[in-house]
Amino acid sequence: MNGVIQYFAGVDIGSASIKAALVSRRRLIAYELAPSGGSYRDTAQKVLDSILAQAGLTPDRLSGIVVTGLGNESPPFPARLISDISCQAMGCHCLFPSARTVIDIGGQFTKVVKITPQGKIADFLMSEKCATGSGRFLQVIARILQVRLEDIGPLSLQSQNPVEFSTNCAVFAESETISRIAEGARAEDILAGVHRAMAAKVAMLVKRVKMEPEVVLTGGGGEDAGLVQAIEEALGLKILVPDLPRLSAAYGAACLAEIGQGGQPIVSL
């Protein structure tokens, strides 16, 4: 439609939070993030309503919606469903055209994706179902240390003597953390040790997909400065982090909605 601005939405229904992004010509117009809560459907509707309200739009002004994430099979509104890995790949490609490797550290899993210069998936790996491979591990340690999640990164960067964890199992690491506290270990040293343990697991995944720079870090892990630094040290290179790292899949979903409107085929993974 010549002369008419078109808008596209992407909604990422994750286990911990639900994110929505509104774009036009791949420019981010509005966004919303909210805890997933007890009903994925209700929260998905709320975040979609929020981005429309922010832009002063009614639902009929949307030219397309793509839904992705853990709860993408039952959106409360008409939408196309595309895998979160495909959406992450496109989102990071649109944000950083030079990106070739994406590390997504979410609440349940860590995923590493190699992408083509066009933002397509070339290869990917996912961590095993263990908390040490996800942001859930940080939530557990934060609870034990009685530290707010948003304070973990800055606090860990103050460490002078990071704790070495002797296990890769989250259950045993939790017990080990309690023992280290009893021995007098400082919170910042425990957190720095946790970051190193997580970074080592991430580095193994990255090497298995034969990492190519540039490397982008997304998901809640991208909001943790201490974890970002630990992964950079483990990989031996600087990594790129979006301004809104938890929004990248929703943004990519919106971009895929827009690309699809232009007639290019979209194939779910």
C-alpha atoms as a PDB file:
ATOM      1  CA  MET A   1       0.000   0.000   0.000  1.00  0.00           C
ATOM      2  CA  ASN A   2       1.837   3.058  -1.315  1.00  0.00           C
ATOM      3  CA  GLY A   3       2.116   5.935   1.141  1.00  0.00           C
ATOM      4  CA  VAL A   4       0.645   3.958   4.044  1.00  0.00           C
ATOM      5  CA  ILE A   5       2.976   3.090   6.911  1.00  0.00           C
ATOM      6  CA  GLN A   6       2.777  -0.591   7.770  1.00  0.00           C
ATOM      7  CA  TYR A   7       3.411  -2.031  11.216  1.00  0.00           C
ATOM      8  CA  PHE A   8       4.412  -5.541  12.239  1.00  0.00           C
ATOM      9  CA  ALA A   9       4.539  -7.217  15.637  1.00  0.00           C
ATOM     10  CA  GLY A  10       6.610 -10.003  17.124  1.00  0.00           C
ATOM     11  CA  VAL A  11       5.731 -11.734  20.394  1.00  0.00           C
ATOM     12  CA  ASP A  12       8.216 -14.006  22.184  1.00  0.00           C
ATOM     13  CA  ILE A  13       6.458 -16.224  24.736  1.00  0.00           C
ATOM     14  CA  GLY A  14       9.225 -17.396  27.063  1.00  0.00           C
ATOM     15  CA  SER A  15       9.199 -19.400  30.280  1.00  0.00           C
ATOM     16  CA  ALA A  16      10.256 -16.459  32.453  1.00  0.00           C
ATOM     17  CA  SER A  17       8.984 -13.456  30.507  1.00  0.00           C
ATOM     18  CA  ILE A  18       6.956 -12.533  27.457  1.00  0.00           C
ATOM     19  CA  LYS A  19       8.251  -9.875  25.106  1.00  0.00           C
ATOM     20  CA  ALA A  20       6.626  -7.937  22.281  1.00  0.00           C
ATOM     21  CA  ALA A  21       8.143  -5.673  19.628  1.00  0.00           C
ATOM     22  CA  LEU A  22       6.512  -3.378  17.078  1.00  0.00           C
ATOM     23  CA  VAL A  23       8.472  -2.469  13.944  1.00  0.00           C
ATOM     24  CA  SER A  24       8.079  -0.550  10.721  1.00  0.00           C
ATOM     25  CA  ARG A  25      10.772  -0.944   8.086  1.00  0.00           C
ATOM     26  CA  ARG A  26      12.712  -2.882  10.744  1.00  0.00           C
ATOM     27  CA  ARG A  27      12.824   0.170  12.998  1.00  0.00           C
ATOM     28  CA  LEU A  28      11.726  -0.547  16.567  1.00  0.00           C
ATOM     29  CA  ILE A  29       8.646   1.560  17.311  1.00  0.00           C
ATOM     30  CA  ALA A  30       7.577   0.156  20.700  1.00  0.00           C
ATOM     31  CA  TYR A  31       8.318  -2.774  22.976  1.00  0.00           C
ATOM     32  CA  GLU A  32       7.109  -4.422  26.172  1.00  0.00           C
ATOM     33  CA  LEU A  33       8.471  -7.058  28.539  1.00  0.00           C
ATOM     34  CA  ALA A  34       6.447  -8.701  31.320  1.00  0.00           C
ATOM     35  CA  PRO A  35       6.783 -11.745  33.615  1.00  0.00           C
ATOM     36  CA  SER A  36       5.087 -14.737  32.016  1.00  0.00           C
ATOM     37  CA  GLY A  37       2.800 -15.206  35.024  1.00  0.00           C
ATOM     38  CA  GLY A  38       0.215 -17.943  35.330  1.00  0.00           C
ATOM     39  CA  SER A  39      -1.269 -17.563  31.841  1.00  0.00           C
ATOM     40  CA  TYR A  40       0.887 -17.264  28.723  1.00  0.00           C
ATOM     41  CA  ARG A  41      -2.171 -16.333  26.682  1.00  0.00           C
ATOM     42  CA  ASP A  42      -3.239 -13.477  28.963  1.00  0.00           C
ATOM     43  CA  THR A  43       0.263 -12.025  29.235  1.00  0.00           C
ATOM     44  CA  ALA A  44       0.849 -12.329  25.483  1.00  0.00           C
ATOM     45  CA  GLN A  45      -2.333 -10.353  24.872  1.00  0.00           C
ATOM     46  CA  LYS A  46      -1.306  -7.720  27.438  1.00  0.00           C
ATOM     47  CA  VAL A  47       2.136  -7.103  25.920  1.00  0.00           C
ATOM     48  CA  LEU A  48       0.654  -6.894  22.419  1.00  0.00           C
ATOM     49  CA  ASP A  49      -1.985  -4.433  23.644  1.00  0.00           C
ATOM     50  CA  SER A  50       0.767  -2.412  25.334  1.00  0.00           C
ATOM     51  CA  ILE A  51       2.917  -1.914  22.233  1.00  0.00           C
ATOM     52  CA  LEU A  52      -0.157  -0.936  20.212  1.00  0.00           C
ATOM     53  CA  ALA A  53      -1.156   1.590  22.890  1.00  0.00           C
ATOM     54  CA  GLN A  54       2.362   3.023  22.983  1.00  0.00           C
ATOM     55  CA  ALA A  55       2.197   3.655  19.236  1.00  0.00           C
ATOM     56  CA  GLY A  56      -1.416   4.857  19.305  1.00  0.00           C
ATOM     57  CA  LEU A  57      -2.544   2.044  17.041  1.00  0.00           C
ATOM     58  CA  THR A  58      -5.553  -0.248  16.919  1.00  0.00           C
ATOM     59  CA  PRO A  59      -5.105  -3.982  16.207  1.00  0.00           C
ATOM     60  CA  ASP A  60      -6.413  -3.603  12.659  1.00  0.00           C
ATOM     61  CA  ARG A  61      -3.376  -1.444  11.806  1.00  0.00           C
ATOM     62  CA  LEU A  62      -1.078  -4.440  12.139  1.00  0.00           C
ATOM     63  CA  SER A  63      -0.105  -5.940   8.812  1.00  0.00           C
ATOM     64  CA  GLY A  64       1.318  -9.092  10.345  1.00  0.00           C
ATOM     65  CA  ILE A  65       2.196 -10.836  13.617  1.00  0.00           C
ATOM     66  CA  VAL A  66       4.732 -13.589  14.274  1.00  0.00           C
ATOM     67  CA  VAL A  67       4.746 -15.477  17.567  1.00  0.00           C
ATOM     68  CA  THR A  68       7.732 -17.443  18.855  1.00  0.00           C
ATOM     69  CA  GLY A  69       9.078 -18.994  22.055  1.00  0.00           C
ATOM     70  CA  LEU A  70       8.146 -21.769  24.449  1.00  0.00           C
ATOM     71  CA  GLY A  71       4.416 -20.998  24.481  1.00  0.00           C
ATOM     72  CA  ASN A  72       4.014 -20.139  20.815  1.00  0.00           C
ATOM     73  CA  GLU A  73       1.462 -22.864  20.083  1.00  0.00           C
ATOM     74  CA  SER A  74      -1.515 -21.116  21.652  1.00  0.00           C
ATOM     75  CA  PRO A  75      -1.431 -17.352  21.023  1.00  0.00           C
ATOM     76  CA  PRO A  76      -4.706 -15.551  21.796  1.00  0.00           C
ATOM     77  CA  PHE A  77      -4.613 -13.742  18.442  1.00  0.00           C
ATOM     78  CA  PRO A  78      -4.090 -14.780  14.795  1.00  0.00           C
ATOM     79  CA  ALA A  79      -0.370 -15.085  14.072  1.00  0.00           C
ATOM     80  CA  ARG A  80       2.234 -17.081  12.221  1.00  0.00           C
ATOM     81  CA  LEU A  81       4.405 -19.357  14.345  1.00  0.00           C
ATOM     82  CA  ILE A  82       8.175 -19.399  13.805  1.00  0.00           C
ATOM     83  CA  SER A  83      10.865 -21.041  15.960  1.00  0.00           C
ATOM     84  CA  ASP A  84      12.711 -18.891  18.463  1.00  0.00           C
ATOM     85  CA  ILE A  85      16.042 -19.893  16.912  1.00  0.00           C
ATOM     86  CA  SER A  86      14.962 -18.516  13.537  1.00  0.00           C
ATOM     87  CA  CYS A  87      13.707 -15.329  15.205  1.00  0.00           C
ATOM     88  CA  GLN A  88      16.913 -14.896  17.211  1.00  0.00           C
ATOM     89  CA  ALA A  89      18.956 -15.342  14.057  1.00  0.00           C
ATOM     90  CA  MET A  90      16.988 -12.707  12.158  1.00  0.00           C
ATOM     91  CA  GLY A  91      16.844 -10.304  15.102  1.00  0.00           C
ATOM     92  CA  CYS A  92      20.603 -10.398  15.602  1.00  0.00           C
ATOM     93  CA  HIS A  93      21.188 -10.120  11.855  1.00  0.00           C
ATOM     94  CA  CYS A  94      19.042  -6.975  11.681  1.00  0.00           C
ATOM     95  CA  LEU A  95      20.756  -5.468  14.743  1.00  0.00           C
ATOM     96  CA  PHE A  96      24.286  -6.531  13.779  1.00  0.00           C
ATOM     97  CA  PRO A  97      24.604  -7.402  10.058  1.00  0.00           C
ATOM     98  CA  SER A  98      28.178  -8.602  10.686  1.00  0.00           C
ATOM     99  CA  ALA A  99      27.021 -11.212  13.256  1.00  0.00           C
ATOM    100  CA  ARG A 100      27.812 -14.829  12.448  1.00  0.00           C
ATOM    101  CA  THR A 101      27.391 -16.498  15.857  1.00  0.00           C
ATOM    102  CA  VAL A 102      24.581 -15.937  18.380  1.00  0.00           C
ATOM    103  CA  ILE A 103      24.660 -17.027  22.036  1.00  0.00           C
ATOM    104  CA  ASP A 104      21.213 -16.935  23.626  1.00  0.00           C
ATOM    105  CA  ILE A 105      21.200 -17.463  27.403  1.00  0.00           C
ATOM    106  CA  GLY A 106      17.595 -17.854  28.500  1.00  0.00           C
ATOM    107  CA  GLY A 107      15.802 -19.011  31.613  1.00  0.00           C
ATOM    108  CA  GLN A 108      15.725 -22.693  30.579  1.00  0.00           C
ATOM    109  CA  PHE A 109      18.489 -23.272  28.039  1.00  0.00           C
ATOM    110  CA  THR A 110      21.511 -21.766  26.352  1.00  0.00           C
ATOM    111  CA  LYS A 111      21.472 -21.914  22.565  1.00  0.00           C
ATOM    112  CA  VAL A 112      24.340 -21.208  20.185  1.00  0.00           C
ATOM    113  CA  VAL A 113      23.437 -20.445  16.575  1.00  0.00           C
ATOM    114  CA  LYS A 114      25.658 -19.935  13.540  1.00  0.00           C
ATOM    115  CA  ILE A 115      23.994 -17.634  11.019  1.00  0.00           C
ATOM    116  CA  THR A 116      24.584 -16.801   7.391  1.00  0.00           C
ATOM    117  CA  PRO A 117      25.203 -13.287   6.029  1.00  0.00           C
ATOM    118  CA  GLN A 118      21.442 -13.248   5.255  1.00  0.00           C
ATOM    119  CA  GLY A 119      20.412 -14.051   8.838  1.00  0.00           C
ATOM    120  CA  LYS A 120      19.507 -17.690   8.140  1.00  0.00           C
ATOM    121  CA  ILE A 121      20.427 -20.602  10.408  1.00  0.00           C
ATOM    122  CA  ALA A 122      23.602 -22.422   9.384  1.00  0.00           C
ATOM    123  CA  ASP A 123      23.906 -24.597  12.493  1.00  0.00           C
ATOM    124  CA  PHE A 124      22.861 -24.605  16.148  1.00  0.00           C
ATOM    125  CA  LEU A 125      23.331 -26.401  19.455  1.00  0.00           C
ATOM    126  CA  MET A 126      21.394 -26.313  22.698  1.00  0.00           C
ATOM    127  CA  SER A 127      22.620 -26.954  26.234  1.00  0.00           C
ATOM    128  CA  GLU A 128      21.497 -30.097  28.004  1.00  0.00           C
ATOM    129  CA  LYS A 129      18.561 -29.771  30.396  1.00  0.00           C
ATOM    130  CA  CYS A 130      20.613 -28.616  33.391  1.00  0.00           C
ATOM    131  CA  ALA A 131      20.328 -25.320  35.255  1.00  0.00           C
ATOM    132  CA  THR A 132      24.063 -24.610  34.949  1.00  0.00           C
ATOM    133  CA  GLY A 133      23.474 -24.103  31.237  1.00  0.00           C
ATOM    134  CA  SER A 134      20.878 -21.369  31.733  1.00  0.00           C
ATOM    135  CA  GLY A 135      19.901 -18.250  33.606  1.00  0.00           C
ATOM    136  CA  ARG A 136      18.046 -20.443  36.105  1.00  0.00           C
ATOM    137  CA  PHE A 137      21.402 -21.199  37.740  1.00  0.00           C
ATOM    138  CA  LEU A 138      21.956 -17.510  38.436  1.00  0.00           C
ATOM    139  CA  GLN A 139      18.498 -17.236  39.963  1.00  0.00           C
ATOM    140  CA  VAL A 140      19.264 -20.119  42.336  1.00  0.00           C
ATOM    141  CA  ILE A 141      22.619 -18.667  43.428  1.00  0.00           C
ATOM    142  CA  ALA A 142      21.120 -15.186  43.829  1.00  0.00           C
ATOM    143  CA  ARG A 143      18.478 -16.619  46.148  1.00  0.00           C
ATOM    144  CA  ILE A 144      21.084 -18.393  48.260  1.00  0.00           C
ATOM    145  CA  LEU A 145      23.246 -15.258  48.498  1.00  0.00           C
ATOM    146  CA  GLN A 146      20.206 -13.011  49.028  1.00  0.00           C
ATOM    147  CA  VAL A 147      21.342 -10.796  46.162  1.00  0.00           C
ATOM    148  CA  ARG A 148      19.003  -9.131  43.673  1.00  0.00           C
ATOM    149  CA  LEU A 149      19.333 -10.588  40.185  1.00  0.00           C
ATOM    150  CA  GLU A 150      20.139  -7.186  38.680  1.00  0.00           C
ATOM    151  CA  ASP A 151      23.006  -6.740  41.165  1.00  0.00           C
ATOM    152  CA  ILE A 152      24.786  -9.990  40.265  1.00  0.00           C
ATOM    153  CA  GLY A 153      26.808  -8.604  37.360  1.00  0.00           C
ATOM    154  CA  PRO A 154      28.214  -5.448  39.018  1.00  0.00           C
ATOM    155  CA  LEU A 155      28.937  -7.333  42.248  1.00  0.00           C
ATOM    156  CA  SER A 156      30.797 -10.170  40.536  1.00  0.00           C
ATOM    157  CA  LEU A 157      33.069  -7.678  38.768  1.00  0.00           C
ATOM    158  CA  GLN A 158      34.400  -6.669  42.197  1.00  0.00           C
ATOM    159  CA  SER A 159      35.796 -10.163  42.782  1.00  0.00           C
ATOM    160  CA  GLN A 160      39.495 -10.536  43.567  1.00  0.00           C
ATOM    161  CA  ASN A 161      39.472 -14.283  44.219  1.00  0.00           C
ATOM    162  CA  PRO A 162      36.809 -16.165  42.203  1.00  0.00           C
ATOM    163  CA  VAL A 163      35.619 -19.429  43.708  1.00  0.00           C
ATOM    164  CA  GLU A 164      36.410 -22.558  41.694  1.00  0.00           C
ATOM    165  CA  PHE A 165      33.423 -24.880  41.464  1.00  0.00           C
ATOM    166  CA  SER A 166      34.286 -28.580  41.400  1.00  0.00           C
ATOM    167  CA  THR A 167      31.024 -29.673  39.749  1.00  0.00           C
ATOM    168  CA  ASN A 168      29.062 -28.931  36.601  1.00  0.00           C
ATOM    169  CA  CYS A 169      25.788 -30.050  38.209  1.00  0.00           C
ATOM    170  CA  ALA A 170      23.466 -27.302  39.436  1.00  0.00           C
ATOM    171  CA  VAL A 171      22.221 -29.383  42.360  1.00  0.00           C
ATOM    172  CA  PHE A 172      25.724 -30.042  43.680  1.00  0.00           C
ATOM    173  CA  ALA A 173      26.831 -26.496  42.846  1.00  0.00           C
ATOM    174  CA  GLU A 174      24.029 -25.210  45.060  1.00  0.00           C
ATOM    175  CA  SER A 175      25.307 -27.337  47.937  1.00  0.00           C
ATOM    176  CA  GLU A 176      28.863 -26.258  47.203  1.00  0.00           C
ATOM    177  CA  THR A 177      27.802 -22.616  47.300  1.00  0.00           C
ATOM    178  CA  ILE A 178      26.294 -23.077  50.759  1.00  0.00           C
ATOM    179  CA  SER A 179      29.538 -24.738  51.905  1.00  0.00           C
ATOM    180  CA  ARG A 180      31.636 -21.897  50.517  1.00  0.00           C
ATOM    181  CA  ILE A 181      29.494 -19.346  52.334  1.00  0.00           C
ATOM    182  CA  ALA A 182      30.071 -21.281  55.584  1.00  0.00           C
ATOM    183  CA  GLU A 183      33.819 -21.179  54.853  1.00  0.00           C
ATOM    184  CA  GLY A 184      33.664 -17.398  54.578  1.00  0.00           C
ATOM    185  CA  ALA A 185      33.787 -16.916  50.805  1.00  0.00           C
ATOM    186  CA  ARG A 186      32.610 -13.482  49.703  1.00  0.00           C
ATOM    187  CA  ALA A 187      29.456 -13.133  47.589  1.00  0.00           C
ATOM    188  CA  GLU A 188      31.329 -11.453  44.744  1.00  0.00           C
ATOM    189  CA  ASP A 189      33.868 -14.308  44.580  1.00  0.00           C
ATOM    190  CA  ILE A 190      31.108 -16.926  44.511  1.00  0.00           C
ATOM    191  CA  LEU A 191      29.288 -15.071  41.729  1.00  0.00           C
ATOM    192  CA  ALA A 192      32.477 -14.673  39.712  1.00  0.00           C
ATOM    193  CA  GLY A 193      33.039 -18.413  40.062  1.00  0.00           C
ATOM    194  CA  VAL A 194      29.497 -19.136  38.903  1.00  0.00           C
ATOM    195  CA  HIS A 195      30.051 -16.904  35.881  1.00  0.00           C
ATOM    196  CA  ARG A 196      33.260 -18.735  35.032  1.00  0.00           C
ATOM    197  CA  ALA A 197      31.506 -22.102  35.279  1.00  0.00           C
ATOM    198  CA  MET A 198      28.697 -20.930  33.005  1.00  0.00           C
ATOM    199  CA  ALA A 199      31.155 -19.349  30.568  1.00  0.00           C
ATOM    200  CA  ALA A 200      33.072 -22.631  30.286  1.00  0.00           C
ATOM    201  CA  LYS A 201      29.874 -24.476  29.308  1.00  0.00           C
ATOM    202  CA  VAL A 202      28.980 -21.761  26.809  1.00  0.00           C
ATOM    203  CA  ALA A 203      32.474 -21.880  25.309  1.00  0.00           C
ATOM    204  CA  MET A 204      32.162 -25.639  24.741  1.00  0.00           C
ATOM    205  CA  LEU A 205      28.938 -25.132  22.795  1.00  0.00           C
ATOM    206  CA  VAL A 206      30.419 -22.265  20.789  1.00  0.00           C
ATOM    207  CA  LYS A 207      33.471 -24.288  19.818  1.00  0.00           C
ATOM    208  CA  ARG A 208      31.320 -27.232  18.763  1.00  0.00           C
ATOM    209  CA  VAL A 209      29.464 -25.074  16.227  1.00  0.00           C
ATOM    210  CA  LYS A 210      32.840 -23.749  14.971  1.00  0.00           C
ATOM    211  CA  MET A 211      32.383 -20.140  16.064  1.00  0.00           C
ATOM    212  CA  GLU A 212      32.789 -17.324  13.576  1.00  0.00           C
ATOM    213  CA  PRO A 213      32.931 -13.636  14.595  1.00  0.00           C
ATOM    214  CA  GLU A 214      31.145 -11.384  15.154  1.00  0.00           C
ATOM    215  CA  VAL A 215      29.569 -13.015  18.214  1.00  0.00           C
ATOM    216  CA  VAL A 216      26.335 -11.658  19.728  1.00  0.00           C
ATOM    217  CA  LEU A 217      25.051 -12.442  23.235  1.00  0.00           C
ATOM    218  CA  THR A 218      21.284 -12.246  23.784  1.00  0.00           C
ATOM    219  CA  GLY A 219      18.739 -13.251  26.422  1.00  0.00           C
ATOM    220  CA  GLY A 220      18.770 -12.450  30.109  1.00  0.00           C
ATOM    221  CA  GLY A 221      22.453 -13.399  30.231  1.00  0.00           C
ATOM    222  CA  GLY A 222      23.212 -10.324  28.155  1.00  0.00           C
ATOM    223  CA  GLU A 223      22.027  -8.138  31.049  1.00  0.00           C
ATOM    224  CA  ASP A 224      24.674  -9.595  33.384  1.00  0.00           C
ATOM    225  CA  ALA A 225      27.924  -7.664  32.897  1.00  0.00           C
ATOM    226  CA  GLY A 226      29.894 -10.201  34.907  1.00  0.00           C
ATOM    227  CA  LEU A 227      28.711 -13.096  32.761  1.00  0.00           C
ATOM    228  CA  VAL A 228      29.411 -11.149  29.567  1.00  0.00           C
ATOM    229  CA  GLN A 229      32.988 -10.530  30.710  1.00  0.00           C
ATOM    230  CA  ALA A 230      33.455 -14.173  31.732  1.00  0.00           C
ATOM    231  CA  ILE A 231      32.285 -15.397  28.301  1.00  0.00           C
ATOM    232  CA  GLU A 232      34.560 -12.897  26.550  1.00  0.00           C
ATOM    233  CA  GLU A 233      37.501 -14.231  28.556  1.00  0.00           C
ATOM    234  CA  ALA A 234      36.545 -17.835  27.815  1.00  0.00           C
ATOM    235  CA  LEU A 235      36.252 -17.161  24.075  1.00  0.00           C
ATOM    236  CA  GLY A 236      39.167 -14.744  23.869  1.00  0.00           C
ATOM    237  CA  LEU A 237      37.251 -12.066  21.974  1.00  0.00           C
ATOM    238  CA  LYS A 238      34.897  -9.119  22.423  1.00  0.00           C
ATOM    239  CA  ILE A 239      31.226  -9.941  22.034  1.00  0.00           C
ATOM    240  CA  LEU A 240      28.340  -7.733  20.956  1.00  0.00           C
ATOM    241  CA  VAL A 241      25.343  -7.233  23.246  1.00  0.00           C
ATOM    242  CA  PRO A 242      22.086  -5.554  22.108  1.00  0.00           C
ATOM    243  CA  ASP A 243      20.778  -2.628  24.152  1.00  0.00           C
ATOM    244  CA  LEU A 244      17.751  -4.807  24.953  1.00  0.00           C
ATOM    245  CA  PRO A 245      19.167  -8.354  24.947  1.00  0.00           C
ATOM    246  CA  ARG A 246      15.931 -10.046  26.071  1.00  0.00           C
ATOM    247  CA  LEU A 247      13.999  -8.448  23.203  1.00  0.00           C
ATOM    248  CA  SER A 248      16.023  -9.753  20.261  1.00  0.00           C
ATOM    249  CA  ALA A 249      13.785 -12.766  19.457  1.00  0.00           C
ATOM    250  CA  ALA A 250      10.603 -10.658  19.592  1.00  0.00           C
ATOM    251  CA  TYR A 251      12.294  -8.048  17.406  1.00  0.00           C
ATOM    252  CA  GLY A 252      13.410 -10.758  14.982  1.00  0.00           C
ATOM    253  CA  ALA A 253       9.883 -12.162  14.916  1.00  0.00           C
ATOM    254  CA  ALA A 254       8.535  -8.723  13.973  1.00  0.00           C
ATOM    255  CA  CYS A 255      11.181  -8.390  11.253  1.00  0.00           C
ATOM    256  CA  LEU A 256      10.235 -11.809   9.882  1.00  0.00           C
ATOM    257  CA  ALA A 257       6.584 -10.712   9.844  1.00  0.00           C
ATOM    258  CA  GLU A 258       7.602  -7.725   7.755  1.00  0.00           C
ATOM    259  CA  ILE A 259       9.792  -9.763   5.415  1.00  0.00           C
ATOM    260  CA  GLY A 260       6.953 -12.242   4.943  1.00  0.00           C
ATOM    261  CA  GLN A 261       4.579  -9.420   4.022  1.00  0.00           C
ATOM    262  CA  GLY A 262       6.948  -8.588   1.186  1.00  0.00           C
ATOM    263  CA  GLY A 263       6.473 -12.009  -0.353  1.00  0.00           C
ATOM    264  CA  GLN A 264       9.630 -13.766   0.834  1.00  0.00           C
ATOM    265  CA  PRO A 265       8.980 -17.283   2.121  1.00  0.00           C
ATOM    266  CA  ILE A 266       9.286 -17.978   5.817  1.00  0.00           C
ATOM    267  CA  VAL A 267      10.046 -21.557   6.798  1.00  0.00           C
ATOM    268  CA  SER A 268       9.753 -22.626  10.421  1.00  0.00           C
ATOM    269  CA  LEU A 269      12.706 -24.559  11.787  1.00  0.00           C
END
